[in-house]
N, C-alpha and C. Protein backbone atom coordinates (compact mmCIF):
# COMPACT_ATOMS: atom_id res chain seq x y z
N UNK A 1 33.53 48.98 -16.36
CA UNK A 1 31.55 48.23 -16.37
C UNK A 1 31.71 46.87 -15.53
N UNK A 2 30.47 47.27 -14.76
CA UNK A 2 29.88 46.62 -13.53
C UNK A 2 28.62 46.31 -14.12
N UNK A 3 27.65 44.94 -13.09
CA UNK A 3 26.88 44.60 -13.24
C UNK A 3 26.24 43.97 -11.95
N UNK A 4 24.61 44.33 -11.67
CA UNK A 4 24.00 43.03 -10.70
C UNK A 4 23.46 41.99 -10.77
N UNK A 5 23.97 40.78 -10.64
CA UNK A 5 22.83 39.79 -10.20
C UNK A 5 21.64 40.13 -9.46
N UNK A 6 20.26 40.05 -10.43
CA UNK A 6 19.32 40.07 -10.09
C UNK A 6 18.26 39.10 -9.02
N UNK A 7 18.74 38.06 -9.73
CA UNK A 7 17.23 36.69 -9.33
C UNK A 7 18.19 35.77 -9.85
N UNK A 8 17.39 34.75 -9.61
CA UNK A 8 18.07 33.03 -10.06
C UNK A 8 16.27 33.20 -11.55
N UNK A 9 16.99 32.83 -12.45
CA UNK A 9 15.66 32.96 -13.37
C UNK A 9 14.64 31.13 -13.37
N UNK A 10 15.55 30.37 -13.17
CA UNK A 10 14.91 29.02 -14.18
C UNK A 10 16.29 27.92 -14.03
N UNK A 11 16.32 26.90 -13.97
CA UNK A 11 16.87 25.68 -13.49
C UNK A 11 17.00 24.78 -14.76
N UNK A 12 17.80 24.18 -16.03
CA UNK A 12 17.15 23.94 -17.07
C UNK A 12 18.03 22.24 -16.68
N UNK A 13 16.94 21.36 -17.89
CA UNK A 13 17.62 20.07 -16.98
C UNK A 13 17.41 19.41 -19.16
N UNK A 14 18.56 19.52 -19.49
CA UNK A 14 18.22 18.29 -20.50
C UNK A 14 17.91 17.01 -20.34
N UNK A 15 16.52 16.23 -20.82
CA UNK A 15 15.79 15.34 -20.82
C UNK A 15 15.94 14.37 -21.85
N UNK A 16 15.67 13.01 -22.60
CA UNK A 16 15.25 12.09 -23.58
C UNK A 16 14.47 12.28 -23.84
N UNK A 17 13.35 12.85 -23.28
CA UNK A 17 11.97 12.17 -23.52
C UNK A 17 11.21 13.62 -23.11
N UNK A 18 11.16 14.73 -23.60
CA UNK A 18 10.41 16.08 -23.03
C UNK A 18 8.61 15.62 -22.11
N UNK A 19 8.27 14.75 -23.80
CA UNK A 19 6.34 14.64 -22.82
C UNK A 19 6.81 13.51 -21.45
N UNK A 20 7.63 13.12 -21.35
CA UNK A 20 7.68 11.85 -20.36
C UNK A 20 8.06 12.59 -19.38
N UNK A 21 8.88 13.66 -19.07
CA UNK A 21 9.64 14.24 -18.27
C UNK A 21 8.61 15.29 -17.78
N UNK A 22 8.24 16.02 -18.91
CA UNK A 22 6.10 17.09 -18.22
C UNK A 22 5.49 16.14 -17.67
N UNK A 23 5.57 14.95 -17.61
CA UNK A 23 4.30 14.14 -16.91
C UNK A 23 5.07 13.79 -15.81
N UNK A 24 5.89 13.81 -15.81
CA UNK A 24 6.49 12.96 -14.28
C UNK A 24 6.41 14.16 -13.41
N UNK A 25 7.01 15.25 -13.98
CA UNK A 25 7.25 16.55 -13.04
C UNK A 25 5.90 17.27 -12.34
N UNK A 26 5.18 17.34 -13.52
CA UNK A 26 3.70 17.65 -13.04
C UNK A 26 2.60 17.02 -12.70
N UNK A 27 3.01 15.24 -12.98
CA UNK A 27 2.45 14.74 -12.11
C UNK A 27 2.92 14.69 -10.14
N UNK A 28 3.69 14.51 -10.59
CA UNK A 28 4.69 14.96 -8.74
C UNK A 28 4.85 15.65 -8.18
N UNK A 29 4.65 16.88 -9.12
CA UNK A 29 4.99 18.32 -8.35
C UNK A 29 3.57 19.11 -7.76
N UNK A 30 2.60 18.64 -8.83
CA UNK A 30 1.34 18.47 -8.61
C UNK A 30 1.45 19.99 -9.73
N UNK A 31 1.70 20.41 -10.40
CA UNK A 31 1.59 21.58 -11.29
C UNK A 31 1.76 21.57 -12.63
N UNK A 32 1.43 22.67 -13.28
CA UNK A 32 0.64 22.49 -14.79
C UNK A 32 2.70 23.59 -15.24
N UNK A 33 1.54 23.23 -16.92
CA UNK A 33 3.44 23.20 -18.00
C UNK A 33 2.45 25.19 -17.78
N UNK A 34 3.84 25.87 -17.34
CA UNK A 34 3.44 27.53 -17.88
C UNK A 34 3.27 27.79 -19.98
N UNK A 35 3.85 26.81 -20.33
CA UNK A 35 4.44 26.85 -21.46
C UNK A 35 5.01 26.28 -22.00
N UNK A 36 5.49 25.93 -23.54
CA UNK A 36 6.39 25.21 -24.45
C UNK A 36 7.09 25.79 -25.53
N UNK A 37 8.03 25.44 -25.57
CA UNK A 37 8.79 26.28 -27.19
C UNK A 37 9.36 25.55 -28.13
N UNK A 38 9.63 25.59 -29.12
CA UNK A 38 10.53 24.95 -29.96
C UNK A 38 11.96 25.80 -30.72
N UNK A 39 12.48 25.54 -30.12
CA UNK A 39 14.23 26.59 -30.50
C UNK A 39 14.52 25.73 -31.76
N UNK A 40 15.31 26.45 -32.72
CA UNK A 40 15.75 26.25 -33.73
C UNK A 40 16.46 27.02 -34.74
N UNK A 41 17.74 26.36 -35.63
CA UNK A 41 17.70 27.64 -36.51
C UNK A 41 19.09 28.34 -35.65
N UNK A 42 19.64 29.29 -36.10
CA UNK A 42 20.80 30.27 -36.14
C UNK A 42 20.43 30.55 -34.38
N UNK A 43 19.44 31.06 -34.15
CA UNK A 43 19.05 31.58 -32.69
C UNK A 43 19.55 30.75 -31.75
N UNK A 44 18.87 29.44 -32.08
CA UNK A 44 19.09 28.27 -30.68
C UNK A 44 20.32 28.07 -31.41
N UNK A 45 21.26 27.14 -32.06
CA UNK A 45 22.27 27.63 -32.36
C UNK A 45 23.28 27.86 -31.66
N UNK A 46 23.34 29.41 -31.78
CA UNK A 46 23.85 30.65 -31.04
C UNK A 46 23.50 30.87 -29.74
N UNK A 47 22.60 30.47 -28.98
CA UNK A 47 22.56 30.93 -27.37
C UNK A 47 23.31 29.59 -27.20
N UNK A 48 23.23 28.35 -27.66
CA UNK A 48 23.61 27.07 -26.38
C UNK A 48 25.06 26.66 -27.46
N UNK A 49 25.48 27.03 -28.55
CA UNK A 49 26.64 26.77 -28.94
C UNK A 49 26.57 25.41 -29.28
N UNK A 50 25.46 24.82 -30.39
CA UNK A 50 25.33 23.57 -30.57
C UNK A 50 25.34 23.23 -32.33
N UNK A 51 25.94 23.17 -32.92
CA UNK A 51 25.23 23.58 -34.47
C UNK A 51 24.16 22.16 -34.81
N UNK A 52 23.17 22.94 -34.95
CA UNK A 52 22.18 22.35 -35.43
C UNK A 52 21.22 22.22 -34.86
N UNK A 53 21.40 22.86 -33.36
CA UNK A 53 20.59 22.14 -32.60
C UNK A 53 19.04 22.59 -32.99
N UNK A 54 17.91 21.50 -32.31
CA UNK A 54 16.60 21.67 -32.56
C UNK A 54 16.20 21.00 -31.20
N UNK A 55 15.62 22.29 -30.31
CA UNK A 55 15.51 21.65 -29.27
C UNK A 55 13.77 22.38 -28.90
N UNK A 56 13.23 21.15 -27.91
CA UNK A 56 11.85 21.22 -27.91
C UNK A 56 12.03 21.46 -26.20
N UNK A 57 11.02 22.51 -25.41
CA UNK A 57 11.39 22.93 -24.77
C UNK A 57 10.24 22.72 -23.16
N UNK A 58 9.84 22.86 -21.98
CA UNK A 58 8.99 23.15 -21.51
C UNK A 58 8.97 23.81 -20.46
N UNK A 59 8.16 24.90 -19.62
CA UNK A 59 8.24 25.73 -18.37
C UNK A 59 7.89 24.70 -17.65
N UNK A 60 7.95 25.00 -16.72
CA UNK A 60 6.97 24.34 -15.29
C UNK A 60 8.10 25.44 -13.57
N UNK A 61 6.39 25.92 -13.24
CA UNK A 61 6.54 27.05 -12.21
C UNK A 61 6.70 26.18 -11.54
N UNK A 62 7.29 26.47 -10.39
CA UNK A 62 7.48 25.67 -8.98
C UNK A 62 7.67 27.02 -8.13
N UNK A 63 7.28 26.56 -6.69
CA UNK A 63 7.45 27.49 -5.75
C UNK A 63 8.71 28.30 -5.52
N UNK A 64 8.58 30.21 -6.38
CA UNK A 64 9.69 30.98 -6.40
C UNK A 64 11.11 30.43 -7.19
N UNK A 65 10.61 29.60 -8.42
CA UNK A 65 11.43 29.01 -9.27
C UNK A 65 10.95 28.41 -10.46
N UNK A 66 11.59 28.51 -11.61
CA UNK A 66 11.05 27.47 -12.58
C UNK A 66 12.06 26.59 -13.21
N UNK A 67 11.31 25.93 -13.65
CA UNK A 67 12.10 24.93 -14.23
C UNK A 67 12.18 24.84 -15.37
N UNK A 68 12.95 24.61 -16.35
CA UNK A 68 12.56 24.27 -17.99
C UNK A 68 13.45 22.98 -18.54
N UNK A 69 12.54 22.08 -19.30
CA UNK A 69 13.35 21.45 -19.36
C UNK A 69 13.65 21.07 -21.12
N UNK A 70 14.58 20.69 -21.03
CA UNK A 70 14.88 20.56 -22.97
C UNK A 70 14.93 19.10 -23.71
N UNK A 71 14.43 19.25 -24.47
CA UNK A 71 14.53 17.88 -25.41
C UNK A 71 15.80 18.24 -26.52
N UNK A 72 16.30 17.74 -27.02
CA UNK A 72 17.68 18.34 -27.84
C UNK A 72 16.76 17.35 -28.89
N UNK A 73 16.23 17.48 -29.95
CA UNK A 73 15.45 16.42 -31.63
C UNK A 73 16.66 16.23 -32.23
N UNK A 74 17.31 17.16 -32.47
CA UNK A 74 18.63 17.69 -33.32
C UNK A 74 19.34 18.41 -32.56
N UNK A 75 20.77 17.98 -32.54
CA UNK A 75 21.64 16.64 -32.73
C UNK A 75 21.05 15.56 -31.44
N UNK A 76 20.88 13.98 -32.01
CA UNK A 76 20.49 13.89 -30.65
C UNK A 76 21.93 12.94 -30.01
N UNK A 77 21.94 13.30 -28.13
CA UNK A 77 22.92 12.71 -27.80
C UNK A 77 23.08 10.96 -27.28
N UNK A 78 24.00 10.77 -27.17
CA UNK A 78 24.42 8.77 -27.15
C UNK A 78 23.61 9.33 -25.89
N UNK A 79 22.76 8.05 -25.71
CA UNK A 79 21.98 7.67 -24.75
C UNK A 79 22.24 7.42 -23.95
N UNK A 80 24.09 8.05 -22.82
CA UNK A 80 24.64 7.15 -21.79
C UNK A 80 23.73 8.14 -20.87
N UNK A 81 23.88 7.52 -19.55
CA UNK A 81 22.79 8.44 -18.59
C UNK A 81 24.39 9.92 -17.85
N UNK A 82 23.73 10.46 -17.08
CA UNK A 82 23.70 11.65 -16.68
C UNK A 82 25.24 11.15 -15.64
N UNK A 83 26.15 11.96 -15.59
CA UNK A 83 27.33 11.63 -14.62
C UNK A 83 26.46 11.42 -13.09
N UNK A 84 26.93 11.15 -12.18
CA UNK A 84 26.80 10.32 -10.52
C UNK A 84 26.98 12.14 -9.76
N UNK A 85 26.79 11.68 -8.78
CA UNK A 85 26.23 13.61 -8.12
C UNK A 85 28.18 13.44 -7.47
N UNK A 86 29.12 12.70 -7.38
CA UNK A 86 30.36 12.55 -7.17
C UNK A 86 31.45 13.00 -8.21
N UNK A 87 30.79 13.35 -9.64
CA UNK A 87 31.40 13.92 -10.82
C UNK A 87 31.40 15.46 -10.90
N UNK A 88 32.78 16.09 -11.34
CA UNK A 88 33.13 17.08 -11.08
C UNK A 88 32.39 17.86 -12.47
N UNK A 89 31.79 19.16 -11.62
CA UNK A 89 30.69 19.50 -13.21
C UNK A 89 29.08 19.18 -12.60
N UNK A 90 28.89 18.21 -12.11
CA UNK A 90 27.61 17.50 -11.54
C UNK A 90 26.76 18.72 -10.37
N UNK A 91 25.46 18.59 -10.66
CA UNK A 91 24.54 19.38 -10.33
C UNK A 91 23.74 18.87 -10.07
N UNK A 92 22.89 19.20 -8.68
CA UNK A 92 21.87 19.31 -8.54
C UNK A 92 20.79 19.91 -8.33
N UNK A 93 19.26 19.78 -8.04
CA UNK A 93 18.30 20.64 -7.58
C UNK A 93 17.38 19.94 -6.45
N UNK A 94 17.21 20.63 -5.40
CA UNK A 94 17.36 20.22 -4.37
C UNK A 94 15.76 21.38 -3.25
N UNK A 95 14.19 20.49 -3.41
CA UNK A 95 13.37 20.86 -3.19
C UNK A 95 12.55 20.16 -1.69
N UNK A 96 12.01 21.48 -0.84
CA UNK A 96 11.75 20.71 0.38
C UNK A 96 10.40 20.79 0.52
N UNK A 97 9.97 18.93 0.88
CA UNK A 97 8.72 18.78 0.89
C UNK A 97 7.79 18.23 1.83
N UNK A 98 6.90 18.13 2.28
CA UNK A 98 6.25 17.82 3.95
C UNK A 98 6.00 16.45 3.88
N UNK A 99 6.05 16.17 3.01
CA UNK A 99 5.89 14.10 3.64
C UNK A 99 7.02 13.30 2.21
N UNK A 100 8.17 13.09 2.97
CA UNK A 100 9.49 12.60 2.66
C UNK A 100 9.13 11.09 1.77
N UNK A 101 8.49 10.45 2.75
CA UNK A 101 8.06 9.14 2.28
C UNK A 101 6.35 9.20 1.32
N UNK A 102 6.04 9.47 0.99
CA UNK A 102 5.12 9.61 0.50
C UNK A 102 5.27 9.43 -0.94
N UNK A 103 6.39 11.32 -1.36
CA UNK A 103 7.16 11.34 -2.48
C UNK A 103 7.98 10.42 -2.87
N UNK A 104 8.71 9.68 -2.18
CA UNK A 104 9.44 8.33 -2.80
C UNK A 104 8.68 7.55 -3.18
N UNK A 105 7.47 7.24 -2.83
CA UNK A 105 6.36 6.27 -2.94
C UNK A 105 6.14 6.00 -4.71
N UNK A 106 5.67 7.84 -4.69
CA UNK A 106 5.39 8.58 -5.83
C UNK A 106 6.70 8.36 -6.97
N UNK A 107 7.70 8.67 -7.04
CA UNK A 107 8.88 9.11 -7.96
C UNK A 107 8.96 7.53 -7.87
N UNK A 108 8.78 6.37 -7.36
CA UNK A 108 9.16 5.12 -7.81
C UNK A 108 8.38 4.47 -8.60
N UNK A 109 7.07 4.96 -8.79
CA UNK A 109 6.19 4.95 -9.57
C UNK A 109 6.21 5.86 -11.02
N UNK A 110 7.30 6.27 -11.15
CA UNK A 110 7.59 6.79 -11.94
C UNK A 110 8.91 6.87 -12.65
N UNK A 111 9.20 5.99 -12.17
CA UNK A 111 10.71 5.03 -13.08
C UNK A 111 11.81 5.53 -12.47
N UNK A 112 11.83 6.64 -11.23
CA UNK A 112 13.27 7.26 -10.68
C UNK A 112 13.25 6.45 -9.45
N UNK A 113 14.89 6.90 -9.26
CA UNK A 113 15.20 5.14 -7.92
C UNK A 113 16.08 7.03 -7.50
N UNK A 114 15.84 5.78 -5.90
CA UNK A 114 17.23 6.26 -4.89
C UNK A 114 18.00 5.32 -4.58
N UNK A 115 19.69 6.23 -4.97
CA UNK A 115 20.43 4.88 -5.16
C UNK A 115 20.53 4.44 -3.30
N UNK A 116 20.64 5.47 -2.53
CA UNK A 116 20.93 5.17 -1.61
C UNK A 116 19.63 5.49 -0.15
N UNK A 117 19.16 6.18 0.98
CA UNK A 117 18.37 5.68 1.72
C UNK A 117 17.86 7.36 2.09
N UNK A 118 16.72 7.55 2.76
CA UNK A 118 16.58 8.87 3.23
C UNK A 118 17.59 8.53 4.43
N UNK A 119 18.46 9.59 4.96
CA UNK A 119 18.87 9.81 6.16
C UNK A 119 18.21 11.31 6.66
N UNK A 120 18.27 10.68 8.42
CA UNK A 120 17.97 12.06 9.48
C UNK A 120 19.63 12.83 10.00
N UNK A 121 19.32 14.22 9.73
CA UNK A 121 20.75 14.76 10.34
C UNK A 121 20.17 15.19 11.73
N UNK A 122 21.76 13.96 12.26
CA UNK A 122 21.33 14.36 13.77
C UNK A 122 21.71 14.98 14.35
N UNK A 123 22.91 16.56 14.66
CA UNK A 123 22.55 17.39 15.01
C UNK A 123 23.39 18.42 14.15
N UNK A 124 23.16 19.73 15.21
CA UNK A 124 23.68 21.08 13.80
C UNK A 124 22.44 21.51 13.74
N UNK A 125 22.47 22.86 12.94
CA UNK A 125 21.69 23.65 12.58
C UNK A 125 20.15 23.10 12.22
N UNK A 126 20.30 21.16 10.66
CA UNK A 126 19.41 20.87 10.87
C UNK A 126 18.88 19.36 11.17
N UNK A 127 19.14 19.40 11.87
CA UNK A 127 19.25 18.48 13.71
C UNK A 127 17.53 18.07 13.05
N UNK A 128 16.92 17.10 12.79
CA UNK A 128 15.78 16.31 12.75
C UNK A 128 15.42 16.57 11.04
N UNK A 129 16.29 17.24 10.63
CA UNK A 129 15.54 17.28 9.17
C UNK A 129 15.84 15.59 8.12
N UNK A 130 15.20 15.74 6.82
CA UNK A 130 15.58 14.33 6.18
C UNK A 130 16.09 14.40 5.26
N UNK A 131 16.90 13.74 4.36
CA UNK A 131 17.57 14.16 2.75
C UNK A 131 17.53 12.76 2.19
N UNK A 132 17.26 13.00 0.83
CA UNK A 132 17.04 11.59 -0.65
C UNK A 132 18.00 12.04 -1.42
N UNK A 133 18.85 11.91 -2.25
CA UNK A 133 18.77 12.19 -3.91
C UNK A 133 17.93 11.02 -4.30
N UNK A 134 17.88 11.61 -5.46
CA UNK A 134 16.59 10.03 -6.19
C UNK A 134 17.14 10.68 -7.22
N UNK A 135 17.74 9.85 -9.00
CA UNK A 135 18.19 10.24 -9.89
C UNK A 135 16.34 10.12 -10.75
N UNK A 136 16.30 10.43 -12.08
CA UNK A 136 15.15 9.86 -12.85
C UNK A 136 15.85 9.25 -14.25
N UNK A 137 14.78 8.96 -14.74
CA UNK A 137 15.07 7.86 -15.90
C UNK A 137 16.37 8.59 -16.48
N UNK A 138 17.00 9.54 -16.76
CA UNK A 138 17.92 10.39 -17.44
C UNK A 138 18.95 10.39 -16.76
N UNK A 139 19.26 9.62 -15.30
CA UNK A 139 20.36 10.03 -14.44
C UNK A 139 20.47 11.27 -13.68
N UNK A 140 19.38 12.40 -14.26
CA UNK A 140 19.45 13.72 -13.14
C UNK A 140 19.27 13.73 -11.98
N UNK A 141 20.45 13.75 -11.19
CA UNK A 141 19.74 14.03 -9.55
C UNK A 141 19.20 15.04 -9.02
N UNK A 142 18.25 14.45 -7.94
CA UNK A 142 16.95 15.94 -7.19
C UNK A 142 17.19 14.90 -5.99
N UNK A 143 17.46 16.25 -5.63
CA UNK A 143 17.29 16.19 -3.73
C UNK A 143 16.23 16.03 -3.26
N UNK A 144 15.36 15.60 -2.56
CA UNK A 144 14.52 15.90 -1.41
C UNK A 144 14.23 15.96 -0.09
N UNK A 145 14.15 17.46 0.61
CA UNK A 145 14.17 17.92 2.16
C UNK A 145 13.16 17.45 3.00
N UNK A 146 13.02 16.85 3.93
CA UNK A 146 11.83 16.94 4.85
C UNK A 146 11.89 17.22 6.36
N UNK A 147 12.17 19.23 6.20
CA UNK A 147 11.73 19.84 7.51
C UNK A 147 11.18 19.07 8.24
N UNK A 148 11.66 18.97 9.78
CA UNK A 148 11.19 18.57 11.13
C UNK A 148 9.68 19.16 11.34
N UNK A 149 9.03 18.53 11.46
CA UNK A 149 7.71 19.30 12.07
C UNK A 149 8.11 19.88 13.33
N UNK A 150 7.40 21.56 13.19
CA UNK A 150 7.80 22.16 14.94
C UNK A 150 6.57 21.63 15.96
N UNK A 151 7.08 21.19 16.67
CA UNK A 151 6.47 20.46 17.85
C UNK A 151 5.15 21.43 18.32
N UNK A 152 4.62 20.51 18.70
CA UNK A 152 2.86 21.15 19.40
C UNK A 152 1.72 21.15 18.94
């Protein structure tokens, strides 16, 4: 038996409040919800492996990718924050943006925090590129990258 990996379909992020997360992602990134769904019963339980799963979802289209936001209505997990980026198994989603400083001002208005500060790569193939990690209200880590503008 063999298989072929064809493409990446989406990145899923579990959130504590779907409506708040949709508002943030759509307002900050300037996109519209593609679709919403409610997954429950044996289908949801079998796919995610969580007994009694009752999940509200929203698909957010992004350039070349889609984001799936999931709120587990049942069972509700403890409100602990997601592990930091240094925890084994932690993942993050990275976006290239045109104006990192403007984006950081907008994400701060939405309650997101940047535990560090933007830094510029000094040398190598990404010299001049700026990077920053931010964390959403649920603790999800998102990286924003600003590539250097071409001279001219």
